[in-house]
N, C-alpha and C. Protein backbone atom coordinates (compact mmCIF):
# COMPACT_ATOMS: atom_id res chain seq x y z
N UNK A 1 197.26 87.10 86.30
CA UNK A 1 195.83 87.14 86.01
C UNK A 1 195.21 88.33 86.74
N UNK A 2 194.46 89.14 86.01
CA UNK A 2 193.74 90.24 86.64
C UNK A 2 192.61 89.67 87.49
N UNK A 3 192.12 90.46 88.44
CA UNK A 3 191.03 90.00 89.28
C UNK A 3 189.83 89.66 88.41
N UNK A 4 189.23 88.53 88.66
CA UNK A 4 188.12 88.05 87.84
C UNK A 4 186.81 88.20 88.61
N UNK A 5 185.91 89.02 88.09
CA UNK A 5 184.63 89.25 88.75
C UNK A 5 183.81 87.97 88.84
N UNK A 6 183.89 87.10 87.84
CA UNK A 6 183.13 85.85 87.89
C UNK A 6 183.69 84.91 88.96
N UNK A 7 185.01 84.89 89.14
CA UNK A 7 185.58 84.09 90.23
C UNK A 7 185.08 84.59 91.58
N UNK A 8 184.97 85.91 91.73
CA UNK A 8 184.44 86.48 92.97
C UNK A 8 182.99 86.08 93.18
N UNK A 9 182.21 86.02 92.12
CA UNK A 9 180.81 85.58 92.22
C UNK A 9 180.76 84.12 92.63
N UNK A 10 181.57 83.27 91.98
CA UNK A 10 181.62 81.84 92.31
C UNK A 10 182.00 81.65 93.78
N UNK A 11 182.96 82.44 94.27
CA UNK A 11 183.44 82.32 95.64
C UNK A 11 182.47 82.92 96.66
N UNK A 12 181.42 83.60 96.20
CA UNK A 12 180.45 84.22 97.10
C UNK A 12 180.89 85.58 97.61
N UNK A 13 181.95 86.14 97.02
CA UNK A 13 182.44 87.45 97.44
C UNK A 13 181.64 88.59 96.82
N UNK A 14 180.94 88.30 95.73
CA UNK A 14 180.03 89.25 95.09
C UNK A 14 178.68 88.56 94.93
N UNK A 15 177.59 89.32 95.07
CA UNK A 15 176.26 88.71 94.97
C UNK A 15 175.85 88.44 93.52
N UNK A 16 174.93 87.52 93.38
CA UNK A 16 174.31 87.26 92.08
C UNK A 16 172.93 86.67 92.32
N UNK A 17 172.11 86.69 91.30
CA UNK A 17 170.81 86.03 91.35
C UNK A 17 171.00 84.67 90.69
N UNK A 18 171.18 83.64 91.52
CA UNK A 18 171.46 82.30 91.01
C UNK A 18 170.23 81.68 90.36
N UNK A 19 170.47 81.09 89.20
CA UNK A 19 169.44 80.36 88.47
C UNK A 19 169.72 78.87 88.52
N UNK A 20 171.01 78.53 88.54
CA UNK A 20 171.43 77.12 88.49
C UNK A 20 172.79 77.00 89.16
N UNK A 21 172.99 75.88 89.86
CA UNK A 21 174.31 75.63 90.42
C UNK A 21 174.50 74.15 90.63
N UNK A 22 175.69 73.67 90.27
CA UNK A 22 176.10 72.32 90.61
C UNK A 22 177.60 72.34 90.89
N UNK A 23 178.22 71.20 90.95
CA UNK A 23 179.64 71.10 91.30
C UNK A 23 180.55 71.88 90.34
N UNK A 24 180.20 71.91 89.07
CA UNK A 24 181.08 72.50 88.05
C UNK A 24 180.61 73.83 87.47
N UNK A 25 179.34 74.17 87.66
CA UNK A 25 178.73 75.27 86.90
C UNK A 25 177.91 76.19 87.80
N UNK A 26 177.90 77.47 87.43
CA UNK A 26 177.02 78.44 88.05
C UNK A 26 176.28 79.17 86.94
N UNK A 27 174.96 79.26 87.06
CA UNK A 27 174.14 80.03 86.14
C UNK A 27 173.48 81.15 86.92
N UNK A 28 173.55 82.37 86.40
CA UNK A 28 172.99 83.51 87.12
C UNK A 28 172.49 84.57 86.15
N UNK A 29 171.57 85.40 86.64
CA UNK A 29 170.99 86.46 85.82
C UNK A 29 172.04 87.52 85.50
N UNK A 30 172.03 87.99 84.26
CA UNK A 30 172.93 89.07 83.84
C UNK A 30 172.50 90.37 84.51
N UNK A 31 173.47 91.17 84.94
CA UNK A 31 173.11 92.43 85.61
C UNK A 31 172.64 93.50 84.64
N UNK A 32 172.92 93.33 83.35
CA UNK A 32 172.45 94.24 82.31
C UNK A 32 171.81 93.43 81.19
N UNK A 33 170.66 92.83 81.47
CA UNK A 33 170.07 91.92 80.48
C UNK A 33 169.66 92.63 79.20
N UNK A 34 169.90 91.94 78.08
CA UNK A 34 169.47 92.48 76.79
C UNK A 34 168.14 91.87 76.35
N UNK A 35 167.68 90.88 77.11
CA UNK A 35 166.38 90.28 76.83
C UNK A 35 165.86 89.61 78.10
N UNK A 36 164.58 89.31 78.11
CA UNK A 36 163.96 88.63 79.24
C UNK A 36 164.60 87.25 79.41
N UNK A 37 165.05 86.94 80.62
CA UNK A 37 165.67 85.66 80.88
C UNK A 37 167.16 85.60 80.61
N UNK A 38 167.76 86.73 80.22
CA UNK A 38 169.20 86.76 79.91
C UNK A 38 170.00 86.30 81.14
N UNK A 39 170.75 85.24 80.96
CA UNK A 39 171.57 84.74 82.05
C UNK A 39 172.93 84.32 81.53
N UNK A 40 173.83 84.10 82.45
CA UNK A 40 175.19 83.65 82.15
C UNK A 40 175.37 82.27 82.75
N UNK A 41 176.00 81.39 82.02
CA UNK A 41 176.28 80.04 82.49
C UNK A 41 177.79 79.87 82.40
N UNK A 42 178.44 79.75 83.55
CA UNK A 42 179.91 79.76 83.58
C UNK A 42 180.45 78.54 84.32
N UNK A 43 181.68 78.13 83.97
CA UNK A 43 182.32 77.09 84.77
C UNK A 43 182.75 77.70 86.10
N UNK A 44 182.71 76.93 87.17
CA UNK A 44 183.18 77.45 88.45
C UNK A 44 184.70 77.62 88.45
N UNK A 45 185.39 76.74 87.76
CA UNK A 45 186.84 76.86 87.64
C UNK A 45 187.16 77.91 86.58
N UNK A 46 188.13 78.74 86.85
CA UNK A 46 188.49 79.82 85.93
C UNK A 46 189.05 79.26 84.62
N UNK A 47 188.45 79.63 83.52
CA UNK A 47 188.94 79.34 82.17
C UNK A 47 188.64 80.58 81.34
N UNK A 48 189.66 81.18 80.76
CA UNK A 48 189.45 82.46 80.07
C UNK A 48 188.63 82.35 78.80
N UNK A 49 188.66 81.18 78.14
CA UNK A 49 187.93 81.08 76.88
C UNK A 49 187.73 79.61 76.50
N UNK A 50 187.08 79.39 75.40
CA UNK A 50 186.75 78.05 74.92
C UNK A 50 187.99 77.20 74.69
N UNK A 51 189.08 77.82 74.29
CA UNK A 51 190.29 77.06 73.99
C UNK A 51 190.99 76.56 75.24
N UNK A 52 190.65 77.12 76.41
CA UNK A 52 191.33 76.75 77.66
C UNK A 52 190.49 75.87 78.59
N UNK A 53 189.20 75.79 78.38
CA UNK A 53 188.34 75.07 79.32
C UNK A 53 188.55 73.56 79.21
N UNK A 54 188.71 72.87 80.33
CA UNK A 54 188.81 71.41 80.29
C UNK A 54 187.51 70.79 79.76
N UNK A 55 187.64 69.66 79.09
CA UNK A 55 186.48 69.01 78.46
C UNK A 55 185.36 68.74 79.45
N UNK A 56 185.70 68.31 80.66
CA UNK A 56 184.68 68.00 81.67
C UNK A 56 183.86 69.24 82.02
N UNK A 57 184.52 70.38 82.18
CA UNK A 57 183.81 71.62 82.49
C UNK A 57 183.00 72.12 81.30
N UNK A 58 183.54 71.97 80.10
CA UNK A 58 182.81 72.36 78.89
C UNK A 58 181.52 71.56 78.76
N UNK A 59 181.61 70.26 78.98
CA UNK A 59 180.41 69.43 78.92
C UNK A 59 179.41 69.88 79.98
N UNK A 60 179.89 70.14 81.20
CA UNK A 60 179.00 70.56 82.29
C UNK A 60 178.31 71.88 81.98
N UNK A 61 179.04 72.83 81.40
CA UNK A 61 178.46 74.13 81.03
C UNK A 61 177.38 73.94 79.96
N UNK A 62 177.67 73.14 78.95
CA UNK A 62 176.70 72.91 77.88
C UNK A 62 175.47 72.17 78.39
N UNK A 63 175.64 71.20 79.27
CA UNK A 63 174.50 70.49 79.83
C UNK A 63 173.65 71.44 80.66
N UNK A 64 174.30 72.29 81.46
CA UNK A 64 173.56 73.27 82.26
C UNK A 64 172.81 74.25 81.37
N UNK A 65 173.45 74.70 80.28
CA UNK A 65 172.79 75.61 79.35
C UNK A 65 171.54 74.96 78.76
N UNK A 66 171.63 73.68 78.44
CA UNK A 66 170.47 72.95 77.91
C UNK A 66 169.37 72.89 78.96
N UNK A 67 169.72 72.52 80.19
CA UNK A 67 168.73 72.41 81.26
C UNK A 67 168.06 73.76 81.55
N UNK A 68 168.86 74.82 81.60
CA UNK A 68 168.33 76.16 81.84
C UNK A 68 167.43 76.58 80.68
N UNK A 69 167.84 76.29 79.46
CA UNK A 69 167.04 76.64 78.28
C UNK A 69 165.68 75.97 78.32
N UNK A 70 165.65 74.70 78.65
CA UNK A 70 164.37 73.98 78.75
C UNK A 70 163.48 74.58 79.83
N UNK A 71 164.07 74.93 80.97
CA UNK A 71 163.30 75.53 82.06
C UNK A 71 162.78 76.91 81.67
N UNK A 72 163.59 77.70 80.97
CA UNK A 72 163.14 79.03 80.54
C UNK A 72 162.06 78.93 79.48
N UNK A 73 162.21 77.99 78.59
CA UNK A 73 161.19 77.81 77.55
C UNK A 73 159.84 77.54 78.20
N UNK A 74 159.86 76.68 79.22
CA UNK A 74 158.61 76.34 79.90
C UNK A 74 158.11 77.47 80.80
N UNK A 75 158.98 78.03 81.63
CA UNK A 75 158.53 79.01 82.62
C UNK A 75 158.26 80.39 82.03
N UNK A 76 159.02 80.78 81.01
CA UNK A 76 158.84 82.10 80.41
C UNK A 76 158.05 82.07 79.11
N UNK A 77 157.74 80.87 78.64
CA UNK A 77 157.04 80.75 77.38
C UNK A 77 157.89 81.18 76.20
N UNK A 78 159.20 80.99 76.32
CA UNK A 78 160.11 81.42 75.26
C UNK A 78 159.89 80.62 73.99
N UNK A 79 159.76 81.31 72.88
CA UNK A 79 159.59 80.65 71.59
C UNK A 79 160.92 80.12 71.08
N UNK A 80 162.01 80.73 71.53
CA UNK A 80 163.34 80.32 71.11
C UNK A 80 164.36 80.74 72.13
N UNK A 81 165.53 80.17 72.03
CA UNK A 81 166.61 80.44 72.97
C UNK A 81 167.88 80.75 72.16
N UNK A 82 168.59 81.79 72.54
CA UNK A 82 169.88 82.10 71.92
C UNK A 82 170.98 81.79 72.93
N UNK A 83 171.92 80.97 72.54
CA UNK A 83 173.10 80.67 73.36
C UNK A 83 174.31 81.22 72.63
N UNK A 84 174.94 82.19 73.26
CA UNK A 84 176.05 82.89 72.61
C UNK A 84 177.30 82.76 73.47
N UNK A 85 178.42 82.51 72.84
CA UNK A 85 179.68 82.47 73.56
C UNK A 85 180.68 83.36 72.83
N UNK A 86 181.34 84.22 73.59
CA UNK A 86 182.35 85.11 73.03
C UNK A 86 183.71 84.70 73.57
N UNK A 87 184.72 84.67 72.70
CA UNK A 87 186.06 84.23 73.08
C UNK A 87 187.09 85.25 72.62
N UNK A 88 187.43 86.17 73.52
CA UNK A 88 188.44 87.19 73.23
C UNK A 88 187.86 88.59 73.22
N UNK A 89 188.68 89.53 73.63
CA UNK A 89 188.24 90.94 73.67
C UNK A 89 187.86 91.46 72.28
N UNK A 90 188.50 90.91 71.25
CA UNK A 90 188.23 91.36 69.88
C UNK A 90 186.79 91.09 69.45
N UNK A 91 186.13 90.15 70.11
CA UNK A 91 184.72 89.85 69.80
C UNK A 91 183.82 90.22 70.98
N UNK A 92 184.30 91.16 71.79
CA UNK A 92 183.54 91.75 72.89
C UNK A 92 183.32 90.86 74.10
N UNK A 93 184.20 89.87 74.33
CA UNK A 93 184.17 89.15 75.61
C UNK A 93 184.59 90.16 76.66
N UNK A 94 183.75 90.36 77.67
CA UNK A 94 184.01 91.38 78.68
C UNK A 94 184.76 90.81 79.88
N UNK A 95 184.30 89.67 80.38
CA UNK A 95 184.93 89.04 81.54
C UNK A 95 185.72 87.84 81.04
N UNK A 96 187.01 87.86 81.28
CA UNK A 96 187.88 86.77 80.83
C UNK A 96 187.82 85.62 81.83
N UNK A 97 186.73 84.88 81.79
CA UNK A 97 186.54 83.73 82.69
C UNK A 97 186.06 82.56 81.88
């Protein structure tokens, strides 16, 4: 496995602007946001893609995404929320986590 930048963020070896954190999930602001409120919601345990993530972590990520979406809708006045997941370099997944 190549070094994973998201694992380093989870471990506290690299900084991030945390938006959400619990036992299974970390949500943080994207360093190159494409829109206001752009954030990443990742499992703390390394899983390269949707096909590899354990069900418990997948549920936790989706629940966190819902909670963050509701908070952003209220705090930023967002009219809508886009939740996008990329799985594989062929579809431009940049960090294999």
